[in-house]
Structure formats: structure tokens, C-alpha cells
N, C-alpha and C. Protein backbone atom coordinates (compact mmCIF):
# COMPACT_ATOMS: atom_id res chain seq x y z
N MET A 1 2.87 9.91 -8.53
CA MET A 1 1.98 9.05 -9.28
C MET A 1 1.00 9.89 -10.08
N ASP A 2 0.59 9.35 -11.16
CA ASP A 2 -0.38 10.05 -11.99
C ASP A 2 -1.79 9.76 -11.51
N LYS A 3 -2.70 10.60 -11.90
CA LYS A 3 -4.08 10.46 -11.49
C LYS A 3 -4.99 10.66 -12.70
N ALA A 4 -5.97 9.78 -12.84
CA ALA A 4 -6.91 9.92 -13.94
C ALA A 4 -7.99 10.94 -13.57
N VAL A 5 -8.47 11.62 -14.56
CA VAL A 5 -9.57 12.57 -14.36
C VAL A 5 -10.74 12.13 -15.23
N ARG A 6 -11.85 12.75 -15.03
CA ARG A 6 -13.06 12.38 -15.75
C ARG A 6 -12.84 12.44 -17.27
N CYS A 7 -13.22 11.38 -17.94
CA CYS A 7 -13.14 11.23 -19.40
C CYS A 7 -11.71 11.14 -19.94
N HIS A 8 -10.72 10.99 -19.08
CA HIS A 8 -9.32 10.84 -19.51
C HIS A 8 -8.68 9.75 -18.67
N SER A 9 -8.72 8.53 -19.17
CA SER A 9 -8.14 7.43 -18.41
C SER A 9 -6.62 7.41 -18.59
N LEU A 10 -5.96 6.65 -17.72
CA LEU A 10 -4.50 6.54 -17.77
C LEU A 10 -4.08 5.49 -18.79
N PRO A 11 -2.87 5.63 -19.32
CA PRO A 11 -2.35 4.59 -20.22
C PRO A 11 -2.11 3.29 -19.45
N MET A 12 -2.11 2.19 -20.17
CA MET A 12 -1.96 0.87 -19.55
C MET A 12 -0.62 0.74 -18.83
N LYS A 13 0.42 1.36 -19.34
CA LYS A 13 1.74 1.29 -18.71
C LYS A 13 1.71 1.89 -17.31
N ILE A 14 1.05 2.99 -17.14
CA ILE A 14 0.96 3.64 -15.84
C ILE A 14 0.05 2.85 -14.91
N ILE A 15 -1.04 2.29 -15.44
CA ILE A 15 -1.94 1.48 -14.62
C ILE A 15 -1.20 0.26 -14.07
N SER A 16 -0.40 -0.39 -14.90
CA SER A 16 0.35 -1.56 -14.42
C SER A 16 1.38 -1.16 -13.38
N ARG A 17 1.99 0.02 -13.53
CA ARG A 17 2.95 0.50 -12.53
C ARG A 17 2.26 0.75 -11.20
N ILE A 18 1.09 1.35 -11.23
CA ILE A 18 0.34 1.62 -9.99
C ILE A 18 -0.06 0.32 -9.32
N LEU A 19 -0.50 -0.67 -10.10
CA LEU A 19 -0.87 -1.96 -9.52
C LEU A 19 0.33 -2.65 -8.89
N HIS A 20 1.48 -2.56 -9.54
CA HIS A 20 2.70 -3.15 -8.99
C HIS A 20 3.07 -2.51 -7.65
N ILE A 21 3.00 -1.20 -7.58
CA ILE A 21 3.32 -0.49 -6.33
C ILE A 21 2.31 -0.84 -5.24
N SER A 22 1.04 -0.95 -5.58
CA SER A 22 0.03 -1.26 -4.56
C SER A 22 0.17 -2.68 -4.04
N ARG A 23 0.61 -3.62 -4.89
CA ARG A 23 0.84 -4.99 -4.41
C ARG A 23 1.97 -5.03 -3.40
N ILE A 24 3.05 -4.31 -3.68
CA ILE A 24 4.18 -4.26 -2.75
C ILE A 24 3.74 -3.60 -1.44
N ARG A 25 3.00 -2.50 -1.55
CA ARG A 25 2.57 -1.77 -0.36
C ARG A 25 1.67 -2.64 0.51
N SER A 26 0.79 -3.42 -0.10
CA SER A 26 -0.12 -4.25 0.70
C SER A 26 0.64 -5.35 1.43
N ARG A 27 1.69 -5.91 0.79
CA ARG A 27 2.48 -6.94 1.46
C ARG A 27 3.23 -6.38 2.66
N VAL A 28 3.56 -5.11 2.62
CA VAL A 28 4.28 -4.49 3.73
C VAL A 28 3.30 -4.03 4.80
N ASP A 29 2.16 -3.49 4.43
CA ASP A 29 1.24 -2.89 5.39
C ASP A 29 0.40 -3.91 6.15
N HIS A 30 0.05 -5.03 5.54
CA HIS A 30 -0.84 -5.98 6.22
C HIS A 30 -0.24 -6.58 7.49
N PRO A 31 1.03 -6.97 7.53
CA PRO A 31 1.57 -7.47 8.81
C PRO A 31 1.55 -6.42 9.92
N TYR A 32 1.83 -5.16 9.57
CA TYR A 32 1.80 -4.11 10.58
C TYR A 32 0.38 -3.88 11.09
N ALA A 33 -0.61 -3.96 10.22
CA ALA A 33 -2.00 -3.82 10.64
C ALA A 33 -2.38 -4.95 11.57
N PHE A 34 -1.92 -6.16 11.28
CA PHE A 34 -2.19 -7.31 12.14
C PHE A 34 -1.58 -7.10 13.53
N MET A 35 -0.33 -6.65 13.57
CA MET A 35 0.33 -6.44 14.86
C MET A 35 -0.32 -5.32 15.65
N LYS A 36 -0.73 -4.26 14.97
CA LYS A 36 -1.40 -3.17 15.67
C LYS A 36 -2.73 -3.64 16.23
N GLY A 37 -3.42 -4.55 15.53
CA GLY A 37 -4.65 -5.11 16.06
C GLY A 37 -4.40 -5.97 17.28
N MET A 38 -3.28 -6.69 17.29
CA MET A 38 -2.94 -7.53 18.44
C MET A 38 -2.65 -6.68 19.67
N PHE A 39 -1.97 -5.56 19.47
CA PHE A 39 -1.56 -4.72 20.59
C PHE A 39 -2.58 -3.62 20.89
N GLY A 40 -3.75 -3.71 20.34
CA GLY A 40 -4.81 -2.75 20.65
C GLY A 40 -4.59 -1.39 20.04
N PHE A 41 -4.04 -1.32 18.85
CA PHE A 41 -3.81 -0.06 18.13
C PHE A 41 -2.94 0.91 18.91
N ALA A 42 -2.07 0.38 19.75
CA ALA A 42 -1.11 1.21 20.46
C ALA A 42 0.03 1.57 19.51
N HIS A 43 0.92 2.40 19.98
CA HIS A 43 2.10 2.77 19.17
C HIS A 43 2.95 1.52 19.00
N THR A 44 3.14 1.08 17.76
CA THR A 44 3.85 -0.16 17.48
C THR A 44 5.12 0.16 16.71
N MET A 45 6.25 -0.32 17.23
CA MET A 45 7.51 -0.17 16.53
C MET A 45 8.14 -1.55 16.39
N VAL A 46 8.56 -1.90 15.21
CA VAL A 46 9.13 -3.21 14.95
C VAL A 46 10.60 -3.02 14.59
N THR A 47 11.45 -3.79 15.25
CA THR A 47 12.85 -3.78 14.89
C THR A 47 13.26 -5.19 14.53
N THR A 48 14.09 -5.30 13.55
CA THR A 48 14.58 -6.62 13.14
C THR A 48 16.07 -6.68 13.40
N LEU A 49 16.54 -7.85 13.74
CA LEU A 49 17.96 -8.02 14.03
C LEU A 49 18.67 -8.60 12.85
């Protein structure tokens, strides 16, 4: 991923790509954070059948 530095912002195309990736990541990470909170932040492994 690209990174903006002081006085040099990123192009809109890259910003939209980063936002798209972060939306997907949040949908995946939030359920795992919820389950880890339920189990007291223990080692959590989820398997699906």
C-alpha cells in the first residue's frame, strides 16, 4: 500500500482503494474481536464446516 507524506497527498484512486480494503478488513476483523471478547481474549481459533 502507498503512504502519504507531509505536503504530498495520495491520488483519489489510491485513497478509494485503501478505503475499499479497510471496509473488507473491518467486516472480517470485527466478528473475531467479538468472539475473543466473549472468550476472555484467550487463543481463539474458528473453523467452518
